[in-house]
Amino acid sequence: MEVARACRSGRTSLNCSGCRRFRAGGGGPMTTRKIPDNLLTGFVLIDRQHEDIYTRFDELEARCRAGCNKDEVIEALRFLEHQTTIHFDFEETAMKAVDYPDVIEHMAAHLVLRETVKRLAAQIRDKGPLPELLEQVRTLLYDALFRHIAEHDLRMAPFLKQKNPGGWTL
């Protein structure tokens, strides 16, 4: 499997040091799936990170439909865990920088998502990529991602925009 790299800016580059990428199609070009417009925060980097995470879910699902093995699923979940950590760290840094009043609640929601990914990865490591576990990955993580964006990120975005209308260069 070809390895691509992602830099902390959220851009994808084969030359950039960073996290390993799980790529569909045996290393072909990475596709980007769009987050629905009603879930866009208006921050290019945050929206790009959301789309990247969402795309990884799609790629994992496509790989599993094509008959992926346990190692591929675990590698994909490792990538998702790493990518969400980078994303959550960015959001948490931004929220702290502007004294966002709901930072503790938002960080608690991040912790729940992190633990969900870890728990599913552990179950797949122990039991293999059983269809019911793969369905849990799909539904729990997709639902959790959309719910988190809708309930937390969209509430955070106007506050961040007000405090830093020029955008972020963290």
N, C-alpha and C. Protein backbone atom coordinates (compact mmCIF):
# COMPACT_ATOMS: atom_id res chain seq x y z
N MET A 1 0.85 -1.17 0.00
CA MET A 1 0.00 0.00 0.00
C MET A 1 0.90 1.23 0.00
N GLU A 2 0.62 2.18 -0.87
CA GLU A 2 1.37 3.41 -0.93
C GLU A 2 1.08 4.25 0.30
N VAL A 3 2.08 4.91 0.81
CA VAL A 3 1.91 5.74 1.99
C VAL A 3 1.99 7.19 1.58
N ALA A 4 0.98 7.94 1.95
CA ALA A 4 1.00 9.38 1.75
C ALA A 4 1.17 10.03 3.10
N ARG A 5 1.45 11.27 3.12
CA ARG A 5 1.66 11.99 4.37
C ARG A 5 0.70 13.17 4.45
N ALA A 6 0.35 13.54 5.66
CA ALA A 6 -0.50 14.70 5.88
C ALA A 6 0.23 15.65 6.80
N CYS A 7 0.32 16.89 6.40
CA CYS A 7 0.95 17.86 7.28
C CYS A 7 -0.10 18.44 8.21
N ARG A 8 0.32 19.15 9.22
CA ARG A 8 -0.60 19.70 10.20
C ARG A 8 -1.52 20.77 9.61
N SER A 9 -1.22 21.25 8.43
CA SER A 9 -2.09 22.23 7.80
C SER A 9 -3.35 21.58 7.26
N GLY A 10 -3.39 20.24 7.25
CA GLY A 10 -4.54 19.54 6.72
C GLY A 10 -4.41 19.21 5.25
N ARG A 11 -3.34 19.70 4.61
CA ARG A 11 -3.15 19.41 3.19
C ARG A 11 -2.53 18.02 3.04
N THR A 12 -2.82 17.38 1.94
CA THR A 12 -2.29 16.05 1.69
C THR A 12 -1.11 16.18 0.73
N SER A 13 -0.04 15.51 1.08
CA SER A 13 1.14 15.55 0.24
C SER A 13 1.94 14.28 0.43
N LEU A 14 2.43 13.71 -0.65
CA LEU A 14 3.27 12.53 -0.53
C LEU A 14 4.63 12.88 0.07
N ASN A 15 5.01 14.16 0.02
CA ASN A 15 6.31 14.58 0.52
C ASN A 15 6.27 15.10 1.95
N CYS A 16 5.13 15.30 2.51
CA CYS A 16 4.99 15.94 3.80
C CYS A 16 5.13 14.93 4.93
N SER A 17 5.89 15.25 5.95
CA SER A 17 5.98 14.35 7.10
C SER A 17 4.72 14.52 7.93
N GLY A 18 4.31 13.47 8.56
CA GLY A 18 3.09 13.51 9.37
C GLY A 18 2.52 12.13 9.53
N CYS A 19 1.22 12.02 9.51
CA CYS A 19 0.57 10.74 9.79
C CYS A 19 0.47 9.87 8.54
N ARG A 20 0.39 8.56 8.77
CA ARG A 20 0.19 7.64 7.65
C ARG A 20 -1.23 7.78 7.15
N ARG A 21 -1.40 7.60 5.89
CA ARG A 21 -2.72 7.72 5.27
C ARG A 21 -3.22 6.35 4.85
N PHE A 22 -4.48 6.14 5.14
CA PHE A 22 -5.16 4.95 4.65
C PHE A 22 -5.81 5.37 3.34
N ARG A 23 -5.45 4.73 2.25
CA ARG A 23 -5.94 5.19 0.95
C ARG A 23 -6.67 4.06 0.24
N ALA A 24 -7.78 4.41 -0.32
CA ALA A 24 -8.57 3.44 -1.07
C ALA A 24 -7.93 3.18 -2.43
N GLY A 25 -8.28 2.07 -2.99
CA GLY A 25 -7.86 1.79 -4.36
C GLY A 25 -6.39 1.50 -4.52
N GLY A 26 -5.76 0.95 -3.49
CA GLY A 26 -4.36 0.55 -3.62
C GLY A 26 -3.42 1.70 -3.85
N GLY A 27 -3.70 2.85 -3.25
CA GLY A 27 -2.79 3.97 -3.35
C GLY A 27 -3.12 4.93 -4.46
N GLY A 28 -4.30 4.83 -5.03
CA GLY A 28 -4.71 5.77 -6.05
C GLY A 28 -4.95 7.15 -5.47
N PRO A 29 -5.36 8.09 -6.29
CA PRO A 29 -5.57 9.43 -5.80
C PRO A 29 -6.61 9.47 -4.69
N MET A 30 -6.36 10.28 -3.69
CA MET A 30 -7.29 10.39 -2.58
C MET A 30 -8.50 11.19 -3.05
N THR A 31 -9.68 10.68 -2.76
CA THR A 31 -10.89 11.41 -3.08
C THR A 31 -11.32 12.19 -1.85
N THR A 32 -11.99 13.29 -2.06
CA THR A 32 -12.48 14.09 -0.95
C THR A 32 -13.99 14.11 -1.01
N ARG A 33 -14.60 13.67 0.05
CA ARG A 33 -16.05 13.71 0.13
C ARG A 33 -16.44 14.97 0.87
N LYS A 34 -17.44 15.64 0.38
CA LYS A 34 -17.85 16.90 0.97
C LYS A 34 -18.77 16.66 2.15
N ILE A 35 -18.50 17.40 3.20
CA ILE A 35 -19.42 17.47 4.33
C ILE A 35 -20.62 18.27 3.85
N PRO A 36 -21.84 17.89 4.24
CA PRO A 36 -23.02 18.68 3.83
C PRO A 36 -22.86 20.15 4.20
N ASP A 37 -23.33 21.03 3.33
CA ASP A 37 -23.17 22.47 3.53
C ASP A 37 -23.67 22.95 4.89
N ASN A 38 -24.73 22.32 5.40
CA ASN A 38 -25.28 22.78 6.68
C ASN A 38 -24.36 22.44 7.85
N LEU A 39 -23.28 21.68 7.61
CA LEU A 39 -22.33 21.35 8.66
C LEU A 39 -20.98 22.05 8.47
N LEU A 40 -20.90 22.98 7.53
CA LEU A 40 -19.66 23.73 7.34
C LEU A 40 -19.54 24.81 8.41
N THR A 41 -18.35 24.91 9.00
CA THR A 41 -18.13 25.89 10.07
C THR A 41 -17.74 27.25 9.53
N GLY A 42 -17.24 27.29 8.30
CA GLY A 42 -16.75 28.54 7.75
C GLY A 42 -15.25 28.73 7.96
N PHE A 43 -14.61 27.81 8.66
CA PHE A 43 -13.16 27.83 8.82
C PHE A 43 -12.59 26.79 7.88
N VAL A 44 -11.81 27.25 6.90
CA VAL A 44 -11.32 26.36 5.85
C VAL A 44 -10.57 25.17 6.44
N LEU A 45 -9.67 25.40 7.37
CA LEU A 45 -8.88 24.30 7.91
C LEU A 45 -9.75 23.30 8.66
N ILE A 46 -10.65 23.78 9.50
CA ILE A 46 -11.53 22.87 10.25
C ILE A 46 -12.42 22.10 9.30
N ASP A 47 -13.01 22.78 8.32
CA ASP A 47 -13.88 22.08 7.36
C ASP A 47 -13.08 21.07 6.54
N ARG A 48 -11.86 21.41 6.16
CA ARG A 48 -11.01 20.48 5.40
C ARG A 48 -10.69 19.25 6.25
N GLN A 49 -10.41 19.46 7.52
CA GLN A 49 -10.13 18.32 8.40
C GLN A 49 -11.36 17.44 8.57
N HIS A 50 -12.53 18.06 8.73
CA HIS A 50 -13.77 17.28 8.83
C HIS A 50 -13.96 16.44 7.57
N GLU A 51 -13.77 17.05 6.40
CA GLU A 51 -13.94 16.33 5.14
C GLU A 51 -12.93 15.19 5.01
N ASP A 52 -11.72 15.43 5.46
CA ASP A 52 -10.69 14.39 5.38
C ASP A 52 -11.07 13.20 6.26
N ILE A 53 -11.52 13.46 7.47
CA ILE A 53 -11.94 12.39 8.37
C ILE A 53 -13.13 11.64 7.78
N TYR A 54 -14.08 12.38 7.26
CA TYR A 54 -15.27 11.79 6.64
C TYR A 54 -14.88 10.91 5.45
N THR A 55 -13.93 11.39 4.65
CA THR A 55 -13.45 10.62 3.50
C THR A 55 -12.81 9.31 3.95
N ARG A 56 -12.06 9.34 5.04
CA ARG A 56 -11.44 8.12 5.55
C ARG A 56 -12.48 7.09 5.94
N PHE A 57 -13.59 7.54 6.53
CA PHE A 57 -14.67 6.60 6.85
C PHE A 57 -15.19 5.95 5.58
N ASP A 58 -15.41 6.75 4.54
CA ASP A 58 -15.89 6.21 3.27
C ASP A 58 -14.90 5.20 2.70
N GLU A 59 -13.62 5.53 2.75
CA GLU A 59 -12.60 4.63 2.21
C GLU A 59 -12.54 3.33 3.00
N LEU A 60 -12.65 3.43 4.31
CA LEU A 60 -12.66 2.23 5.15
C LEU A 60 -13.85 1.36 4.78
N GLU A 61 -15.01 1.98 4.64
CA GLU A 61 -16.21 1.22 4.29
C GLU A 61 -16.05 0.55 2.92
N ALA A 62 -15.52 1.27 1.95
CA ALA A 62 -15.33 0.71 0.60
C ALA A 62 -14.34 -0.45 0.64
N ARG A 63 -13.26 -0.30 1.38
CA ARG A 63 -12.28 -1.37 1.50
C ARG A 63 -12.91 -2.61 2.12
N CYS A 64 -13.71 -2.40 3.15
CA CYS A 64 -14.33 -3.55 3.84
C CYS A 64 -15.35 -4.24 2.96
N ARG A 65 -16.09 -3.49 2.17
CA ARG A 65 -17.03 -4.11 1.22
C ARG A 65 -16.27 -4.96 0.21
N ALA A 66 -15.05 -4.54 -0.12
CA ALA A 66 -14.24 -5.27 -1.10
C ALA A 66 -13.47 -6.42 -0.46
N GLY A 67 -13.63 -6.61 0.85
CA GLY A 67 -13.01 -7.74 1.51
C GLY A 67 -11.69 -7.43 2.19
N CYS A 68 -11.61 -6.34 2.91
CA CYS A 68 -10.36 -6.00 3.60
C CYS A 68 -10.10 -6.97 4.74
N ASN A 69 -8.86 -7.04 5.14
CA ASN A 69 -8.50 -7.92 6.24
C ASN A 69 -8.38 -7.13 7.55
N LYS A 70 -8.16 -7.85 8.62
CA LYS A 70 -8.09 -7.27 9.96
C LYS A 70 -7.02 -6.18 10.03
N ASP A 71 -5.85 -6.43 9.46
CA ASP A 71 -4.76 -5.45 9.53
C ASP A 71 -5.12 -4.15 8.83
N GLU A 72 -5.83 -4.24 7.69
CA GLU A 72 -6.24 -3.03 6.98
C GLU A 72 -7.23 -2.21 7.81
N VAL A 73 -8.16 -2.88 8.46
CA VAL A 73 -9.14 -2.17 9.28
C VAL A 73 -8.44 -1.51 10.46
N ILE A 74 -7.54 -2.23 11.10
CA ILE A 74 -6.82 -1.67 12.25
C ILE A 74 -5.97 -0.48 11.81
N GLU A 75 -5.30 -0.59 10.68
CA GLU A 75 -4.50 0.52 10.16
C GLU A 75 -5.39 1.73 9.88
N ALA A 76 -6.55 1.50 9.31
CA ALA A 76 -7.47 2.61 9.03
C ALA A 76 -7.93 3.27 10.32
N LEU A 77 -8.24 2.47 11.32
CA LEU A 77 -8.67 3.03 12.60
C LEU A 77 -7.53 3.77 13.29
N ARG A 78 -6.31 3.28 13.14
CA ARG A 78 -5.15 4.01 13.69
C ARG A 78 -5.04 5.38 13.04
N PHE A 79 -5.19 5.39 11.72
CA PHE A 79 -5.14 6.68 11.02
C PHE A 79 -6.24 7.60 11.53
N LEU A 80 -7.47 7.09 11.63
CA LEU A 80 -8.57 7.93 12.11
C LEU A 80 -8.31 8.45 13.51
N GLU A 81 -7.77 7.60 14.35
CA GLU A 81 -7.44 8.03 15.71
C GLU A 81 -6.40 9.15 15.68
N HIS A 82 -5.38 8.98 14.86
CA HIS A 82 -4.33 10.00 14.75
C HIS A 82 -4.88 11.30 14.15
N GLN A 83 -5.65 11.18 13.08
CA GLN A 83 -6.17 12.36 12.41
C GLN A 83 -7.14 13.12 13.31
N THR A 84 -7.98 12.41 14.05
CA THR A 84 -8.89 13.11 14.96
C THR A 84 -8.12 13.77 16.09
N THR A 85 -7.02 13.17 16.53
CA THR A 85 -6.20 13.80 17.57
C THR A 85 -5.63 15.13 17.07
N ILE A 86 -5.09 15.13 15.86
CA ILE A 86 -4.57 16.38 15.27
C ILE A 86 -5.68 17.42 15.18
N HIS A 87 -6.84 17.00 14.69
CA HIS A 87 -7.97 17.92 14.53
C HIS A 87 -8.44 18.45 15.88
N PHE A 88 -8.65 17.55 16.83
CA PHE A 88 -9.13 17.98 18.15
C PHE A 88 -8.11 18.89 18.83
N ASP A 89 -6.83 18.58 18.70
CA ASP A 89 -5.80 19.44 19.29
C ASP A 89 -5.87 20.84 18.70
N PHE A 90 -6.08 20.93 17.39
CA PHE A 90 -6.20 22.24 16.75
C PHE A 90 -7.40 23.00 17.30
N GLU A 91 -8.56 22.35 17.32
CA GLU A 91 -9.76 23.03 17.83
C GLU A 91 -9.57 23.46 19.28
N GLU A 92 -9.01 22.59 20.10
CA GLU A 92 -8.84 22.90 21.52
C GLU A 92 -7.87 24.07 21.71
N THR A 93 -6.81 24.12 20.91
CA THR A 93 -5.88 25.24 20.97
C THR A 93 -6.58 26.54 20.59
N ALA A 94 -7.38 26.50 19.53
CA ALA A 94 -8.11 27.69 19.10
C ALA A 94 -9.10 28.15 20.17
N MET A 95 -9.84 27.20 20.75
CA MET A 95 -10.83 27.56 21.78
C MET A 95 -10.15 28.18 23.00
N LYS A 96 -9.04 27.61 23.41
CA LYS A 96 -8.32 28.15 24.58
C LYS A 96 -7.74 29.53 24.27
N ALA A 97 -7.27 29.73 23.04
CA ALA A 97 -6.66 31.00 22.66
C ALA A 97 -7.64 32.17 22.75
N VAL A 98 -8.92 31.89 22.56
CA VAL A 98 -9.93 32.96 22.60
C VAL A 98 -10.84 32.86 23.82
N ASP A 99 -10.45 32.02 24.78
CA ASP A 99 -11.25 31.83 26.01
C ASP A 99 -12.70 31.46 25.69
N TYR A 100 -12.87 30.48 24.82
CA TYR A 100 -14.21 30.01 24.48
C TYR A 100 -14.89 29.48 25.74
N PRO A 101 -16.09 29.97 26.05
CA PRO A 101 -16.73 29.62 27.33
C PRO A 101 -17.12 28.15 27.47
N ASP A 102 -17.35 27.45 26.37
CA ASP A 102 -17.76 26.04 26.43
C ASP A 102 -16.62 25.08 26.13
N VAL A 103 -15.38 25.52 26.34
CA VAL A 103 -14.23 24.70 25.99
C VAL A 103 -14.22 23.37 26.74
N ILE A 104 -14.59 23.36 28.01
CA ILE A 104 -14.57 22.11 28.79
C ILE A 104 -15.58 21.11 28.23
N GLU A 105 -16.79 21.57 27.93
CA GLU A 105 -17.81 20.70 27.36
C GLU A 105 -17.36 20.16 26.00
N HIS A 106 -16.78 21.03 25.19
CA HIS A 106 -16.34 20.63 23.85
C HIS A 106 -15.21 19.60 23.95
N MET A 107 -14.28 19.83 24.87
CA MET A 107 -13.18 18.88 25.05
C MET A 107 -13.69 17.54 25.57
N ALA A 108 -14.71 17.57 26.40
CA ALA A 108 -15.31 16.32 26.89
C ALA A 108 -15.92 15.53 25.73
N ALA A 109 -16.55 16.25 24.79
CA ALA A 109 -17.11 15.59 23.61
C ALA A 109 -16.00 14.98 22.76
N HIS A 110 -14.87 15.68 22.65
CA HIS A 110 -13.72 15.12 21.93
C HIS A 110 -13.25 13.83 22.59
N LEU A 111 -13.20 13.82 23.90
CA LEU A 111 -12.76 12.63 24.63
C LEU A 111 -13.67 11.44 24.35
N VAL A 112 -14.98 11.68 24.30
CA VAL A 112 -15.92 10.59 23.99
C VAL A 112 -15.64 10.02 22.60
N LEU A 113 -15.41 10.88 21.61
CA LEU A 113 -15.11 10.41 20.26
C LEU A 113 -13.79 9.63 20.21
N ARG A 114 -12.78 10.13 20.91
CA ARG A 114 -11.50 9.43 20.95
C ARG A 114 -11.66 8.03 21.54
N GLU A 115 -12.40 7.95 22.63
CA GLU A 115 -12.61 6.66 23.30
C GLU A 115 -13.43 5.71 22.43
N THR A 116 -14.37 6.23 21.67
CA THR A 116 -15.17 5.39 20.77
C THR A 116 -14.28 4.74 19.71
N VAL A 117 -13.40 5.53 19.11
CA VAL A 117 -12.48 4.98 18.11
C VAL A 117 -11.57 3.93 18.74
N LYS A 118 -11.02 4.23 19.91
CA LYS A 118 -10.12 3.27 20.58
C LYS A 118 -10.85 1.97 20.91
N ARG A 119 -12.08 2.08 21.41
CA ARG A 119 -12.85 0.89 21.79
C ARG A 119 -13.13 0.01 20.58
N LEU A 120 -13.56 0.64 19.47
CA LEU A 120 -13.85 -0.14 18.26
C LEU A 120 -12.58 -0.78 17.70
N ALA A 121 -11.48 -0.06 17.74
CA ALA A 121 -10.21 -0.62 17.26
C ALA A 121 -9.81 -1.83 18.10
N ALA A 122 -9.98 -1.73 19.41
CA ALA A 122 -9.65 -2.86 20.30
C ALA A 122 -10.54 -4.06 20.02
N GLN A 123 -11.82 -3.83 19.79
CA GLN A 123 -12.74 -4.93 19.49
C GLN A 123 -12.36 -5.61 18.18
N ILE A 124 -11.98 -4.83 17.18
CA ILE A 124 -11.60 -5.41 15.89
C ILE A 124 -10.28 -6.15 16.02
N ARG A 125 -9.34 -5.61 16.80
CA ARG A 125 -8.08 -6.33 17.04
C ARG A 125 -8.35 -7.68 17.69
N ASP A 126 -9.29 -7.71 18.64
CA ASP A 126 -9.59 -8.94 19.37
C ASP A 126 -10.41 -9.94 18.55
N LYS A 127 -11.40 -9.45 17.82
CA LYS A 127 -12.37 -10.33 17.17
C LYS A 127 -12.25 -10.38 15.65
N GLY A 128 -11.47 -9.47 15.08
CA GLY A 128 -11.38 -9.39 13.63
C GLY A 128 -12.48 -8.51 13.08
N PRO A 129 -12.44 -8.23 11.77
CA PRO A 129 -13.41 -7.32 11.16
C PRO A 129 -14.76 -8.00 10.89
N LEU A 130 -15.44 -8.37 11.96
CA LEU A 130 -16.75 -8.99 11.81
C LEU A 130 -17.74 -7.97 11.24
N PRO A 131 -18.70 -8.43 10.44
CA PRO A 131 -19.65 -7.49 9.83
C PRO A 131 -20.35 -6.59 10.85
N GLU A 132 -20.72 -7.15 12.00
CA GLU A 132 -21.42 -6.32 12.99
C GLU A 132 -20.51 -5.25 13.59
N LEU A 133 -19.22 -5.54 13.73
CA LEU A 133 -18.28 -4.52 14.22
C LEU A 133 -18.05 -3.44 13.17
N LEU A 134 -17.96 -3.87 11.91
CA LEU A 134 -17.77 -2.88 10.84
C LEU A 134 -18.99 -1.97 10.74
N GLU A 135 -20.17 -2.53 10.96
CA GLU A 135 -21.39 -1.71 10.96
C GLU A 135 -21.36 -0.72 12.11
N GLN A 136 -20.86 -1.15 13.27
CA GLN A 136 -20.72 -0.23 14.41
C GLN A 136 -19.75 0.90 14.07
N VAL A 137 -18.64 0.55 13.44
CA VAL A 137 -17.69 1.58 13.03
C VAL A 137 -18.39 2.59 12.15
N ARG A 138 -19.10 2.08 11.16
CA ARG A 138 -19.76 2.97 10.21
C ARG A 138 -20.80 3.85 10.89
N THR A 139 -21.73 3.24 11.59
CA THR A 139 -22.84 4.03 12.13
C THR A 139 -22.41 4.89 13.31
N LEU A 140 -21.66 4.32 14.23
CA LEU A 140 -21.26 5.11 15.40
C LEU A 140 -20.38 6.28 15.02
N LEU A 141 -19.40 6.02 14.19
CA LEU A 141 -18.47 7.09 13.88
C LEU A 141 -19.05 8.13 12.93
N TYR A 142 -19.79 7.70 11.92
CA TYR A 142 -20.46 8.69 11.06
C TYR A 142 -21.42 9.53 11.88
N ASP A 143 -22.28 8.85 12.63
CA ASP A 143 -23.26 9.58 13.44
C ASP A 143 -22.58 10.49 14.45
N ALA A 144 -21.54 9.97 15.09
CA ALA A 144 -20.83 10.76 16.09
C ALA A 144 -20.17 11.98 15.46
N LEU A 145 -19.58 11.81 14.29
CA LEU A 145 -18.94 12.93 13.62
C LEU A 145 -19.95 14.01 13.29
N PHE A 146 -21.05 13.64 12.64
CA PHE A 146 -22.05 14.64 12.27
C PHE A 146 -22.69 15.29 13.49
N ARG A 147 -22.97 14.48 14.49
CA ARG A 147 -23.58 15.02 15.71
C ARG A 147 -22.62 16.00 16.39
N HIS A 148 -21.35 15.64 16.46
CA HIS A 148 -20.36 16.52 17.09
C HIS A 148 -20.26 17.85 16.34
N ILE A 149 -20.17 17.78 15.03
CA ILE A 149 -20.08 19.02 14.25
C ILE A 149 -21.32 19.88 14.50
N ALA A 150 -22.50 19.26 14.41
CA ALA A 150 -23.75 20.00 14.57
C ALA A 150 -23.91 20.58 15.97
N GLU A 151 -23.58 19.80 16.99
CA GLU A 151 -23.83 20.23 18.36
C GLU A 151 -22.71 21.08 18.95
N HIS A 152 -21.49 20.88 18.51
CA HIS A 152 -20.37 21.57 19.15
C HIS A 152 -19.64 22.53 18.22
N ASP A 153 -19.22 22.04 17.06
CA ASP A 153 -18.40 22.88 16.19
C ASP A 153 -19.18 24.05 15.61
N LEU A 154 -20.43 23.84 15.24
CA LEU A 154 -21.22 24.95 14.70
C LEU A 154 -21.55 25.98 15.77
N ARG A 155 -21.61 25.56 17.01
CA ARG A 155 -21.83 26.51 18.11
C ARG A 155 -20.53 27.27 18.41
N MET A 156 -19.39 26.61 18.24
CA MET A 156 -18.10 27.23 18.50
C MET A 156 -17.72 28.23 17.41
N ALA A 157 -18.07 27.95 16.16
CA ALA A 157 -17.60 28.73 15.01
C ALA A 157 -17.90 30.22 15.11
N PRO A 158 -19.13 30.64 15.43
CA PRO A 158 -19.39 32.09 15.50
C PRO A 158 -18.52 32.79 16.55
N PHE A 159 -18.28 32.12 17.66
CA PHE A 159 -17.44 32.70 18.71
C PHE A 159 -16.01 32.88 18.20
N LEU A 160 -15.48 31.86 17.54
CA LEU A 160 -14.12 31.97 17.00
C LEU A 160 -14.04 33.07 15.94
N LYS A 161 -15.05 33.16 15.09
CA LYS A 161 -15.06 34.20 14.05
C LYS A 161 -15.09 35.59 14.67
N GLN A 162 -15.89 35.75 15.71
CA GLN A 162 -15.99 37.05 16.37
C GLN A 162 -14.65 37.44 17.00
N LYS A 163 -13.98 36.49 17.61
CA LYS A 163 -12.72 36.77 18.30
C LYS A 163 -11.54 36.90 17.34
N ASN A 164 -11.63 36.27 16.19
CA ASN A 164 -10.53 36.30 15.24
C ASN A 164 -11.09 36.30 13.82
N PRO A 165 -11.64 37.45 13.39
CA PRO A 165 -12.29 37.49 12.07
C PRO A 165 -11.34 37.27 10.90
N GLY A 166 -10.04 37.42 11.11
CA GLY A 166 -9.09 37.24 10.02
C GLY A 166 -8.72 35.80 9.74
N GLY A 167 -9.19 34.88 10.56
CA GLY A 167 -8.87 33.47 10.36
C GLY A 167 -7.79 33.00 11.31
N TRP A 168 -7.35 31.76 11.11
CA TRP A 168 -6.42 31.12 12.04
C TRP A 168 -5.15 30.72 11.34
N THR A 169 -4.06 30.93 12.03
CA THR A 169 -2.76 30.48 11.53
C THR A 169 -2.03 29.69 12.61
N LEU A 170 -2.78 28.99 13.45
CA LEU A 170 -2.18 28.22 14.55
C LEU A 170 -1.32 27.11 14.01
